[in-house]
Amino acid sequence: MKTVVWAALAVLIAAIVACFALDRFMIAYGLIFFLITVLTAIGQVYGIDNHLYLDKKAREYDEKKRR
């Protein structure tokens, strides 16, 4: 899965560079906006996963402390 994501990221960056080289600035800026949007969404998902993990660990710690 990770190799697919890295390959897609490489293709997207290559497409952005190619669009700038071919004077297709609007398409390039659209791809940059798409890239930033996707990276922000991925960051939010990982943040939620991190909070869930920390909450689970805190509950486990509280249960051990009560015993």
PDB file of N, CA and C in Angstrom:
ATOM      1  N   MET A   1       0.819  -1.196   0.000  1.00  0.00           N
ATOM      2  CA  MET A   1       0.000   0.000   0.000  1.00  0.00           C
ATOM      3  C   MET A   1       0.861   1.258   0.000  1.00  0.00           C
ATOM      4  N   LYS A   2       1.905   1.255   0.832  1.00  0.00           N
ATOM      5  CA  LYS A   2       2.734   2.451   0.912  1.00  0.00           C
ATOM      6  C   LYS A   2       3.472   2.708  -0.392  1.00  0.00           C
ATOM      7  N   THR A   3       3.886   1.645  -1.079  1.00  0.00           N
ATOM      8  CA  THR A   3       4.598   1.858  -2.342  1.00  0.00           C
ATOM      9  C   THR A   3       3.673   2.459  -3.393  1.00  0.00           C
ATOM     10  N   VAL A   4       2.405   2.092  -3.349  1.00  0.00           N
ATOM     11  CA  VAL A   4       1.438   2.661  -4.290  1.00  0.00           C
ATOM     12  C   VAL A   4       1.254   4.150  -4.013  1.00  0.00           C
ATOM     13  N   VAL A   5       1.174   4.514  -2.746  1.00  0.00           N
ATOM     14  CA  VAL A   5       0.996   5.919  -2.377  1.00  0.00           C
ATOM     15  C   VAL A   5       2.217   6.734  -2.783  1.00  0.00           C
ATOM     16  N   TRP A   6       3.415   6.197  -2.526  1.00  0.00           N
ATOM     17  CA  TRP A   6       4.633   6.918  -2.916  1.00  0.00           C
ATOM     18  C   TRP A   6       4.731   7.048  -4.428  1.00  0.00           C
ATOM     19  N   ALA A   7       4.331   6.025  -5.158  1.00  0.00           N
ATOM     20  CA  ALA A   7       4.356   6.096  -6.623  1.00  0.00           C
ATOM     21  C   ALA A   7       3.356   7.133  -7.130  1.00  0.00           C
ATOM     22  N   ALA A   8       2.173   7.164  -6.543  1.00  0.00           N
ATOM     23  CA  ALA A   8       1.168   8.156  -6.942  1.00  0.00           C
ATOM     24  C   ALA A   8       1.646   9.571  -6.631  1.00  0.00           C
ATOM     25  N   LEU A   9       2.309   9.741  -5.500  1.00  0.00           N
ATOM     26  CA  LEU A   9       2.857  11.043  -5.140  1.00  0.00           C
ATOM     27  C   LEU A   9       3.935  11.477  -6.128  1.00  0.00           C
ATOM     28  N   ALA A  10       4.797  10.545  -6.520  1.00  0.00           N
ATOM     29  CA  ALA A  10       5.849  10.852  -7.497  1.00  0.00           C
ATOM     30  C   ALA A  10       5.252  11.229  -8.850  1.00  0.00           C
ATOM     31  N   VAL A  11       4.224  10.514  -9.269  1.00  0.00           N
ATOM     32  CA  VAL A  11       3.566  10.828 -10.544  1.00  0.00           C
ATOM     33  C   VAL A  11       2.898  12.199 -10.471  1.00  0.00           C
ATOM     34  N   LEU A  12       2.273  12.508  -9.352  1.00  0.00           N
ATOM     35  CA  LEU A  12       1.616  13.802  -9.189  1.00  0.00           C
ATOM     36  C   LEU A  12       2.628  14.946  -9.235  1.00  0.00           C
ATOM     37  N   ILE A  13       3.747  14.782  -8.561  1.00  0.00           N
ATOM     38  CA  ILE A  13       4.783  15.822  -8.589  1.00  0.00           C
ATOM     39  C   ILE A  13       5.364  15.963  -9.986  1.00  0.00           C
ATOM     40  N   ALA A  14       5.576  14.843 -10.675  1.00  0.00           N
ATOM     41  CA  ALA A  14       6.068  14.905 -12.057  1.00  0.00           C
ATOM     42  C   ALA A  14       5.058  15.608 -12.961  1.00  0.00           C
ATOM     43  N   ALA A  15       3.776  15.365 -12.739  1.00  0.00           N
ATOM     44  CA  ALA A  15       2.738  16.029 -13.533  1.00  0.00           C
ATOM     45  C   ALA A  15       2.725  17.530 -13.266  1.00  0.00           C
ATOM     46  N   ILE A  16       2.942  17.930 -12.023  1.00  0.00           N
ATOM     47  CA  ILE A  16       2.997  19.358 -11.694  1.00  0.00           C
ATOM     48  C   ILE A  16       4.171  20.019 -12.405  1.00  0.00           C
ATOM     49  N   VAL A  17       5.335  19.380 -12.345  1.00  0.00           N
ATOM     50  CA  VAL A  17       6.520  19.924 -13.022  1.00  0.00           C
ATOM     51  C   VAL A  17       6.289  19.989 -14.526  1.00  0.00           C
ATOM     52  N   ALA A  18       5.700  18.945 -15.089  1.00  0.00           N
ATOM     53  CA  ALA A  18       5.439  18.929 -16.534  1.00  0.00           C
ATOM     54  C   ALA A  18       4.451  20.024 -16.927  1.00  0.00           C
ATOM     55  N   CYS A  19       3.440  20.243 -16.112  1.00  0.00           N
ATOM     56  CA  CYS A  19       2.464  21.299 -16.421  1.00  0.00           C
ATOM     57  C   CYS A  19       3.117  22.678 -16.388  1.00  0.00           C
ATOM     58  N   PHE A  20       3.997  22.910 -15.433  1.00  0.00           N
ATOM     59  CA  PHE A  20       4.704  24.189 -15.415  1.00  0.00           C
ATOM     60  C   PHE A  20       5.623  24.322 -16.625  1.00  0.00           C
ATOM     61  N   ALA A  21       6.277  23.227 -17.019  1.00  0.00           N
ATOM     62  CA  ALA A  21       7.175  23.273 -18.173  1.00  0.00           C
ATOM     63  C   ALA A  21       6.410  23.511 -19.473  1.00  0.00           C
ATOM     64  N   LEU A  22       5.180  23.031 -19.551  1.00  0.00           N
ATOM     65  CA  LEU A  22       4.374  23.180 -20.765  1.00  0.00           C
ATOM     66  C   LEU A  22       3.456  24.406 -20.719  1.00  0.00           C
ATOM     67  N   ASP A  23       3.693  25.303 -19.765  1.00  0.00           N
ATOM     68  CA  ASP A  23       2.910  26.534 -19.609  1.00  0.00           C
ATOM     69  C   ASP A  23       1.428  26.264 -19.355  1.00  0.00           C
ATOM     70  N   ARG A  24       1.127  25.215 -18.639  1.00  0.00           N
ATOM     71  CA  ARG A  24      -0.248  24.896 -18.221  1.00  0.00           C
ATOM     72  C   ARG A  24      -0.374  25.219 -16.728  1.00  0.00           C
ATOM     73  N   PHE A  25      -0.315  26.509 -16.417  1.00  0.00           N
ATOM     74  CA  PHE A  25      -0.228  26.934 -15.029  1.00  0.00           C
ATOM     75  C   PHE A  25      -1.496  26.636 -14.232  1.00  0.00           C
ATOM     76  N   MET A  26      -2.655  26.807 -14.825  1.00  0.00           N
ATOM     77  CA  MET A  26      -3.904  26.564 -14.094  1.00  0.00           C
ATOM     78  C   MET A  26      -4.030  25.092 -13.694  1.00  0.00           C
ATOM     79  N   ILE A  27      -3.645  24.205 -14.588  1.00  0.00           N
ATOM     80  CA  ILE A  27      -3.687  22.774 -14.264  1.00  0.00           C
ATOM     81  C   ILE A  27      -2.677  22.461 -13.169  1.00  0.00           C
ATOM     82  N   ALA A  28      -1.481  23.053 -13.272  1.00  0.00           N
ATOM     83  CA  ALA A  28      -0.445  22.816 -12.263  1.00  0.00           C
ATOM     84  C   ALA A  28      -0.901  23.308 -10.894  1.00  0.00           C
ATOM     85  N   TYR A  29      -1.482  24.506 -10.854  1.00  0.00           N
ATOM     86  CA  TYR A  29      -1.969  25.019  -9.571  1.00  0.00           C
ATOM     87  C   TYR A  29      -3.126  24.176  -9.037  1.00  0.00           C
ATOM     88  N   GLY A  30      -3.954  23.663  -9.910  1.00  0.00           N
ATOM     89  CA  GLY A  30      -5.023  22.760  -9.482  1.00  0.00           C
ATOM     90  C   GLY A  30      -4.474  21.475  -8.881  1.00  0.00           C
ATOM     91  N   LEU A  31      -3.427  20.941  -9.491  1.00  0.00           N
ATOM     92  CA  LEU A  31      -2.794  19.731  -8.949  1.00  0.00           C
ATOM     93  C   LEU A  31      -2.119  20.006  -7.611  1.00  0.00           C
ATOM     94  N   ILE A  32      -1.521  21.192  -7.476  1.00  0.00           N
ATOM     95  CA  ILE A  32      -0.913  21.558  -6.193  1.00  0.00           C
ATOM     96  C   ILE A  32      -1.993  21.664  -5.116  1.00  0.00           C
ATOM     97  N   PHE A  33      -3.122  22.284  -5.449  1.00  0.00           N
ATOM     98  CA  PHE A  33      -4.235  22.378  -4.499  1.00  0.00           C
ATOM     99  C   PHE A  33      -4.727  20.989  -4.108  1.00  0.00           C
ATOM    100  N   PHE A  34      -4.845  20.097  -5.085  1.00  0.00           N
ATOM    101  CA  PHE A  34      -5.269  18.725  -4.815  1.00  0.00           C
ATOM    102  C   PHE A  34      -4.271  18.021  -3.896  1.00  0.00           C
ATOM    103  N   LEU A  35      -2.985  18.208  -4.153  1.00  0.00           N
ATOM    104  CA  LEU A  35      -1.943  17.589  -3.332  1.00  0.00           C
ATOM    105  C   LEU A  35      -2.024  18.084  -1.892  1.00  0.00           C
ATOM    106  N   ILE A  36      -2.169  19.384  -1.712  1.00  0.00           N
ATOM    107  CA  ILE A  36      -2.263  19.942  -0.360  1.00  0.00           C
ATOM    108  C   ILE A  36      -3.520  19.435   0.348  1.00  0.00           C
ATOM    109  N   THR A  37      -4.625  19.344  -0.375  1.00  0.00           N
ATOM    110  CA  THR A  37      -5.872  18.846   0.210  1.00  0.00           C
ATOM    111  C   THR A  37      -5.730  17.400   0.671  1.00  0.00           C
ATOM    112  N   VAL A  38      -5.134  16.567  -0.159  1.00  0.00           N
ATOM    113  CA  VAL A  38      -4.955  15.152   0.192  1.00  0.00           C
ATOM    114  C   VAL A  38      -4.020  15.006   1.385  1.00  0.00           C
ATOM    115  N   LEU A  39      -2.913  15.741   1.395  1.00  0.00           N
ATOM    116  CA  LEU A  39      -1.977  15.648   2.516  1.00  0.00           C
ATOM    117  C   LEU A  39      -2.608  16.140   3.817  1.00  0.00           C
ATOM    118  N   THR A  40      -3.438  17.167   3.740  1.00  0.00           N
ATOM    119  CA  THR A  40      -4.138  17.652   4.928  1.00  0.00           C
ATOM    120  C   THR A  40      -5.120  16.599   5.446  1.00  0.00           C
ATOM    121  N   ALA A  41      -5.845  15.964   4.546  1.00  0.00           N
ATOM    122  CA  ALA A  41      -6.796  14.921   4.950  1.00  0.00           C
ATOM    123  C   ALA A  41      -6.071  13.739   5.588  1.00  0.00           C
ATOM    124  N   ILE A  42      -4.947  13.348   5.019  1.00  0.00           N
ATOM    125  CA  ILE A  42      -4.175  12.240   5.591  1.00  0.00           C
ATOM    126  C   ILE A  42      -3.679  12.609   6.986  1.00  0.00           C
ATOM    127  N   GLY A  43      -3.235  13.849   7.153  1.00  0.00           N
ATOM    128  CA  GLY A  43      -2.795  14.310   8.469  1.00  0.00           C
ATOM    129  C   GLY A  43      -3.910  14.276   9.493  1.00  0.00           C
ATOM    130  N   GLN A  44      -5.113  14.645   9.083  1.00  0.00           N
ATOM    131  CA  GLN A  44      -6.256  14.600   9.993  1.00  0.00           C
ATOM    132  C   GLN A  44      -6.583  13.166  10.405  1.00  0.00           C
ATOM    133  N   VAL A  45      -6.532  12.248   9.461  1.00  0.00           N
ATOM    134  CA  VAL A  45      -6.824  10.842   9.762  1.00  0.00           C
ATOM    135  C   VAL A  45      -5.796  10.289  10.738  1.00  0.00           C
ATOM    136  N   TYR A  46      -4.512  10.569  10.501  1.00  0.00           N
ATOM    137  CA  TYR A  46      -3.488  10.085  11.417  1.00  0.00           C
ATOM    138  C   TYR A  46      -3.609  10.746  12.784  1.00  0.00           C
ATOM    139  N   GLY A  47      -4.031  12.002  12.827  1.00  0.00           N
ATOM    140  CA  GLY A  47      -4.244  12.671  14.107  1.00  0.00           C
ATOM    141  C   GLY A  47      -5.358  12.013  14.901  1.00  0.00           C
ATOM    142  N   ILE A  48      -6.444  11.659  14.229  1.00  0.00           N
ATOM    143  CA  ILE A  48      -7.557  10.976  14.895  1.00  0.00           C
ATOM    144  C   ILE A  48      -7.105   9.610  15.403  1.00  0.00           C
ATOM    145  N   ASP A  49      -6.354   8.871  14.581  1.00  0.00           N
ATOM    146  CA  ASP A  49      -5.854   7.565  15.014  1.00  0.00           C
ATOM    147  C   ASP A  49      -4.957   7.707  16.234  1.00  0.00           C
ATOM    148  N   ASN A  50      -4.136   8.750  16.258  1.00  0.00           N
ATOM    149  CA  ASN A  50      -3.243   8.972  17.385  1.00  0.00           C
ATOM    150  C   ASN A  50      -4.041   9.269  18.650  1.00  0.00           C
ATOM    151  N   HIS A  51      -5.078  10.092  18.544  1.00  0.00           N
ATOM    152  CA  HIS A  51      -5.906  10.404  19.710  1.00  0.00           C
ATOM    153  C   HIS A  51      -6.625   9.160  20.223  1.00  0.00           C
ATOM    154  N   LEU A  52      -7.122   8.328  19.332  1.00  0.00           N
ATOM    155  CA  LEU A  52      -7.782   7.094  19.758  1.00  0.00           C
ATOM    156  C   LEU A  52      -6.807   6.173  20.474  1.00  0.00           C
ATOM    157  N   TYR A  53      -5.589   6.065  19.958  1.00  0.00           N
ATOM    158  CA  TYR A  53      -4.570   5.222  20.585  1.00  0.00           C
ATOM    159  C   TYR A  53      -4.233   5.747  21.979  1.00  0.00           C
ATOM    160  N   LEU A  54      -4.044   7.063  22.096  1.00  0.00           N
ATOM    161  CA  LEU A  54      -3.701   7.632  23.397  1.00  0.00           C
ATOM    162  C   LEU A  54      -4.842   7.479  24.394  1.00  0.00           C
ATOM    163  N   ASP A  55      -6.079   7.635  23.952  1.00  0.00           N
ATOM    164  CA  ASP A  55      -7.222   7.429  24.844  1.00  0.00           C
ATOM    165  C   ASP A  55      -7.297   5.982  25.321  1.00  0.00           C
ATOM    166  N   LYS A  56      -7.038   5.041  24.428  1.00  0.00           N
ATOM    167  CA  LYS A  56      -7.051   3.624  24.798  1.00  0.00           C
ATOM    168  C   LYS A  56      -5.970   3.339  25.830  1.00  0.00           C
ATOM    169  N   LYS A  57      -4.777   3.879  25.613  1.00  0.00           N
ATOM    170  CA  LYS A  57      -3.686   3.660  26.570  1.00  0.00           C
ATOM    171  C   LYS A  57      -4.004   4.299  27.919  1.00  0.00           C
ATOM    172  N   ALA A  58      -4.632   5.472  27.914  1.00  0.00           N
ATOM    173  CA  ALA A  58      -4.990   6.132  29.173  1.00  0.00           C
ATOM    174  C   ALA A  58      -6.022   5.313  29.934  1.00  0.00           C
ATOM    175  N   ARG A  59      -7.004   4.747  29.228  1.00  0.00           N
ATOM    176  CA  ARG A  59      -8.003   3.904  29.887  1.00  0.00           C
ATOM    177  C   ARG A  59      -7.364   2.646  30.464  1.00  0.00           C
ATOM    178  N   GLU A  60      -6.441   2.034  29.715  1.00  0.00           N
ATOM    179  CA  GLU A  60      -5.757   0.841  30.220  1.00  0.00           C
ATOM    180  C   GLU A  60      -4.931   1.174  31.454  1.00  0.00           C
ATOM    181  N   TYR A  61      -4.286   2.328  31.449  1.00  0.00           N
ATOM    182  CA  TYR A  61      -3.486   2.745  32.600  1.00  0.00           C
ATOM    183  C   TYR A  61      -4.372   2.982  33.818  1.00  0.00           C
ATOM    184  N   ASP A  62      -5.526   3.618  33.595  1.00  0.00           N
ATOM    185  CA  ASP A  62      -6.458   3.860  34.701  1.00  0.00           C
ATOM    186  C   ASP A  62      -6.987   2.556  35.277  1.00  0.00           C
ATOM    187  N   GLU A  63      -7.266   1.570  34.422  1.00  0.00           N
ATOM    188  CA  GLU A  63      -7.745   0.273  34.907  1.00  0.00           C
ATOM    189  C   GLU A  63      -6.680  -0.423  35.738  1.00  0.00           C
ATOM    190  N   LYS A  64      -5.435  -0.364  35.313  1.00  0.00           N
ATOM    191  CA  LYS A  64      -4.351  -0.981  36.084  1.00  0.00           C
ATOM    192  C   LYS A  64      -4.151  -0.257  37.410  1.00  0.00           C
ATOM    193  N   LYS A  65      -4.328   1.048  37.399  1.00  0.00           N
ATOM    194  CA  LYS A  65      -4.136   1.846  38.605  1.00  0.00           C
ATOM    195  C   LYS A  65      -5.215   1.551  39.638  1.00  0.00           C
ATOM    196  N   ARG A  66      -6.439   1.256  39.196  1.00  0.00           N
ATOM    197  CA  ARG A  66      -7.546   0.973  40.108  1.00  0.00           C
ATOM    198  C   ARG A  66      -7.387  -0.375  40.797  1.00  0.00           C
ATOM    199  N   ARG A  67      -6.693  -1.287  40.176  1.00  0.00           N
ATOM    200  CA  ARG A  67      -6.566  -2.642  40.738  1.00  0.00           C
ATOM    201  C   ARG A  67      -5.641  -2.686  41.880  1.00  0.00           C
TER     202      ARG A  67
END
